[in-house]
Protein backbone atom coordinates (compact mmCIF):
# COMPACT_ATOMS: atom_id res chain seq x y z
CA LYS A 1 -0.03 -0.42 0.01
CA ALA A 2 2.99 2.80 0.46
CA VAL A 3 4.63 1.52 -2.70
CA PHE A 4 1.38 1.75 -4.60
CA ASN A 5 -1.12 4.77 -2.51
CA LEU A 6 1.95 6.50 -1.34
CA GLY A 7 4.93 6.34 -4.62
CA ILE A 8 2.73 5.70 -7.23
CA GLY A 9 -0.35 7.58 -6.16
CA ALA A 10 1.46 10.78 -4.75
CA ALA A 11 3.73 10.63 -7.90
CA GLY A 12 0.28 10.57 -9.78
CA SER A 13 -0.91 13.57 -7.95
CA VAL A 14 1.42 15.63 -8.30
CA ILE A 15 1.64 15.06 -12.19
CA LYS A 16 -2.49 15.09 -12.58
CA PHE A 17 -1.82 18.38 -10.81
CA LYS A 18 0.21 20.36 -13.44
CA LYS A 19 -1.99 19.18 -15.97
CA ARG A 20 -4.66 21.35 -14.70
CA MET A 21 -1.94 24.21 -13.71
CA LYS A 22 -1.87 24.32 -17.79
CA SER A 23 -5.73 24.91 -18.10
CA GLY A 24 -5.85 27.60 -15.81
CA GLU A 25 -7.32 24.83 -13.05
CA PHE A 26 -5.94 25.35 -9.60
CA PHE A 27 -6.82 22.82 -7.20
CA PRO A 28 -3.53 21.26 -5.05
CA PRO A 29 -1.81 17.61 -5.44
CA PHE A 30 -2.39 17.21 -1.83
CA LEU A 31 -4.67 17.99 1.20
CA TYR A 32 -3.55 18.52 4.84
CA ILE A 33 -6.36 18.75 6.80
CA SER A 34 -6.86 19.89 10.67
CA ILE A 35 -10.02 17.43 11.55
CA LEU A 36 -9.87 19.19 15.58
CA ASN A 37 -8.31 21.29 17.27
CA SER A 38 -8.15 19.60 20.37
CA CYS A 39 -4.98 18.12 22.84
CA ASN A 40 -3.41 16.56 25.43
CA LEU A 41 -0.32 19.43 25.58
CA ARG A 42 0.03 23.29 25.82
CA CYS A 43 2.85 23.26 22.96
CA GLN A 44 4.39 27.46 22.65
CA GLY A 45 3.34 28.68 19.27
CA CYS A 46 0.86 26.36 18.15
CA TRP A 47 -1.67 28.04 15.73
CA VAL A 48 -4.76 25.89 17.19
CA ASP A 49 -6.00 27.35 19.98
CA VAL A 50 -6.79 24.35 22.22
CA ASP A 51 -8.71 26.03 25.13
CA LYS A 52 -11.18 26.73 22.85
CA PRO A 53 -14.63 24.69 22.40
CA ARG A 54 -13.84 21.44 21.42
CA GLU A 55 -14.48 21.65 17.36
CA ALA A 56 -14.51 18.52 14.93
CA ILE A 57 -15.16 17.81 11.74
CA PRO A 58 -17.70 15.64 11.33
CA LEU A 59 -16.87 11.81 9.77
CA ASP A 60 -18.48 12.23 6.80
CA GLY A 61 -17.57 15.48 6.06
CA LEU A 62 -13.84 14.31 6.46
CA ASN A 63 -15.19 11.35 4.02
CA ARG A 64 -16.87 14.18 1.26
CA ILE A 65 -13.38 16.01 1.09
CA ILE A 66 -11.50 13.49 0.75
CA ASN A 67 -13.74 11.63 -1.76
CA ASP A 68 -14.41 15.29 -3.77
CA ALA A 69 -9.85 15.85 -3.55
CA ARG A 70 -9.62 11.87 -4.88
CA GLU A 71 -12.05 12.69 -8.28
CA ASN A 72 -9.52 15.25 -8.53
CA GLY A 73 -6.77 12.79 -8.35
CA ASN A 74 -5.54 12.73 -4.86
CA ARG A 75 -3.51 9.73 -3.33
CA PHE A 76 -2.34 12.07 -0.20
CA PHE A 77 -3.53 13.35 2.43
CA GLY A 78 -1.95 15.23 6.29
CA ILE A 79 -4.09 15.06 8.64
CA LEU A 80 -2.89 17.26 11.55
CA GLY A 81 -5.15 18.48 14.90
CA GLY A 82 -4.99 19.49 17.33
CA GLU A 83 -3.61 16.02 18.37
CA PRO A 84 -5.50 13.64 15.60
CA PHE A 85 -5.96 10.64 18.02
CA MET A 86 -8.27 12.62 19.96
CA TYR A 87 -10.67 12.49 17.24
CA PRO A 88 -12.42 9.49 17.85
CA GLU A 89 -13.70 7.96 14.46
CA LEU A 90 -9.76 8.04 13.23
CA ILE A 91 -8.89 4.13 12.19
CA GLU A 92 -12.73 4.47 11.56
CA LEU A 93 -11.85 7.66 9.21
CA ILE A 94 -8.55 5.97 7.54
CA ALA A 95 -9.98 1.99 6.90
CA GLN A 96 -12.34 3.84 5.05
CA HIS A 97 -10.06 4.91 2.29
CA PRO A 98 -7.87 1.93 1.42
CA ASP A 99 -6.62 3.70 -2.32
CA CYS A 100 -5.61 6.31 0.12
CA TYR A 101 -2.06 7.04 2.06
CA PHE A 102 -2.60 9.27 5.62
CA GLN A 103 0.31 10.60 7.38
CA VAL A 104 -0.71 11.78 10.87
CA PHE A 105 0.84 14.51 12.67
CA THR A 106 1.34 13.20 15.90
CA ASN A 107 2.69 14.26 19.15
CA GLY A 108 2.45 10.09 19.82
CA GLN A 109 1.66 10.50 23.33
CA LEU A 110 -1.90 8.77 22.44
CA ILE A 111 -0.31 6.18 20.18
CA THR A 112 -1.03 2.39 22.29
CA ASP A 113 0.42 -0.36 21.01
CA LYS A 114 -3.53 -1.68 19.58
CA LYS A 115 -3.75 1.67 18.01
CA ALA A 116 0.21 1.06 16.25
CA LYS A 117 -1.46 -2.54 15.49
CA GLN A 118 -4.57 -1.43 13.74
CA LEU A 119 -2.58 1.05 11.59
CA ARG A 120 -0.06 -1.44 10.18
CA GLU A 121 -2.81 -3.72 9.66
CA LEU A 122 -4.48 -1.25 7.22
CA GLY A 123 -1.15 -0.29 5.71
CA ASN A 124 -2.23 2.78 4.27
CA ALA A 125 -0.06 5.32 7.23
CA SER A 126 2.37 6.70 8.65
CA PRO A 127 2.71 8.09 12.11
CA LEU A 128 4.87 11.44 12.28
CA ILE A 129 5.82 11.79 15.89
CA SER A 130 7.26 16.15 16.75
CA ILE A 131 10.12 15.73 19.07
CA GLU A 132 10.59 19.16 21.12
CA GLY A 133 13.36 18.59 22.19
CA THR A 134 15.75 16.90 25.49
CA GLU A 135 13.93 16.05 28.07
CA ASN A 136 13.66 19.81 30.15
CA VAL A 137 13.14 21.73 27.35
CA SER A 138 9.91 19.57 25.71
CA ASN A 139 8.42 19.71 28.90
CA GLU A 140 8.72 23.69 28.33
CA ARG A 141 7.68 23.80 25.13
CA ARG A 142 4.61 21.67 25.07
CA GLY A 143 3.14 22.42 28.40
CA ARG A 144 3.40 19.53 30.25
CA LYS A 145 5.80 16.83 32.82
CA ASP A 146 7.37 13.91 31.04
CA VAL A 147 6.68 14.74 28.11
CA LEU A 148 9.85 13.45 26.19
CA ASN A 149 9.40 9.53 27.33
CA CYS A 150 4.99 9.44 26.96
CA THR A 151 6.15 10.44 23.20
CA LEU A 152 9.43 8.46 22.85
CA ARG A 153 6.19 5.15 24.38
CA GLY A 154 3.99 6.26 21.12
CA LEU A 155 6.58 6.00 18.99
CA ASP A 156 8.17 2.62 19.90
CA ALA A 157 4.67 1.55 19.66
CA CYS A 158 4.96 2.36 16.12
CA LEU A 159 8.39 1.43 15.16
CA ASN A 160 7.71 -2.53 17.02
CA ASN A 161 4.62 -2.46 15.27
CA GLY A 162 6.43 -2.25 11.99
CA LEU A 163 5.01 1.10 11.21
CA LEU A 164 6.35 3.08 8.54
CA THR A 165 7.53 5.61 11.28
CA GLY A 166 8.69 9.64 11.28
CA VAL A 167 10.14 12.62 13.77
CA ALA A 168 9.81 15.79 13.43
CA THR A 169 10.74 18.88 15.10
CA SER A 170 9.87 22.27 14.73
CA LEU A 171 13.82 24.47 15.28
CA CYS A 172 13.36 26.69 17.85
CA GLN A 173 16.00 28.87 19.78
CA SER A 174 15.62 25.97 22.49
CA ASN A 175 15.79 23.63 20.62
CA ILE A 176 18.38 23.41 17.17
CA ASP A 177 21.73 23.25 19.08
CA ASP A 178 20.56 19.82 19.94
CA LEU A 179 18.11 18.78 17.88
CA LEU A 180 19.88 20.43 14.28
CA ARG A 181 22.76 17.52 14.39
CA GLU A 182 23.81 14.14 12.89
CA GLU A 183 24.31 12.84 15.87
CA TRP A 184 20.82 13.37 16.89
CA LEU A 185 18.94 11.43 13.51
CA ARG A 186 21.83 8.57 13.98
CA LYS A 187 19.93 8.43 17.42
CA LEU A 188 16.78 8.81 15.03
CA ILE A 189 18.09 5.83 13.34
CA GLU A 190 19.02 3.53 15.38
CA ARG A 191 16.02 3.61 16.99
CA GLY A 192 14.86 2.27 13.70
CA VAL A 193 12.68 5.52 12.82
CA HIS A 194 12.20 6.09 8.47
CA TYR A 195 12.51 9.53 7.86
CA ALA A 196 13.16 13.35 9.62
CA TRP A 197 11.35 16.60 9.05
CA TYR A 198 12.13 19.99 10.49
CA HIS A 199 10.43 22.24 10.56
CA THR A 200 10.36 25.99 11.73
CA TYR A 201 9.42 27.52 14.27
CA ARG A 202 6.27 30.29 13.62
CA PRO A 203 5.18 32.13 16.38
CA VAL A 204 1.73 32.17 15.52
CA GLY A 205 -1.01 30.85 18.30
CA PRO A 206 -2.12 31.46 21.48
CA GLN A 207 1.13 31.50 22.45
CA ILE A 208 2.89 33.01 20.29
CA ASN A 209 6.75 33.33 22.19
CA PRO A 210 8.30 35.60 19.47
CA GLN A 211 11.77 34.93 20.91
CA LEU A 212 11.63 31.72 20.06
CA ALA A 213 12.01 32.06 16.28
CA LEU A 214 15.11 31.12 14.52
CA THR A 215 17.41 34.62 13.25
CA PRO A 216 18.45 34.61 9.23
CA GLU A 217 21.40 33.12 9.90
CA GLN A 218 19.98 30.13 11.96
CA LEU A 219 17.72 29.82 8.55
CA ARG A 220 20.55 29.69 6.37
CA ARG A 221 21.75 27.31 8.88
CA VAL A 222 18.90 24.49 8.92
CA ARG A 223 18.62 24.82 5.26
CA GLN A 224 22.26 24.18 4.68
CA PHE A 225 22.55 20.82 6.96
CA VAL A 226 19.56 18.88 5.22
CA VAL A 227 21.23 20.25 2.02
CA ASP A 228 24.21 17.99 3.26
């Protein structure tokens, strides 16, 4: 499923997107859907105000969005929150679209061995688990205690069940020196992680924290590191 839905399917989405562009029709090749605003953490700089009343896209609405996109040739979807694993029908949503591939942006803390096994059986989803620094940095960035250990348990549940699993980091002033290093990537590889994403921190949301934003020089450093 990864080969056909993520590889061939995603490539086909791009080809159809380019054809649409030539005819002046604008519809994206991939969709990233924020399915709810609830979260178990309180991260600095998150665009979602998780303390507002709970809002979520109903399951039938999500199915309609995905089916409409599939009619345009789309096969790849990013699932965001809040925390997607707080959405009760997340597994059901993924199961209803076996010819699509889903990348689930998550803090990993709610991924149990049972949920990881379910995703493994479905075969069309990849958790992208966010790690924001060392233990102390993670606690401060994410507004809770024991954040890193809880996240690593979810990460290991995914890896132990053979899921295609990634780790994402939002680089900022408090974690760039620890995580923008080859040694960090080597640790992920040794743990069994398959891919890594680096984002750059952007001061948005109810806890803006602009002091965490990277300088222009640090941004150039990030780009050069990824290229190297």
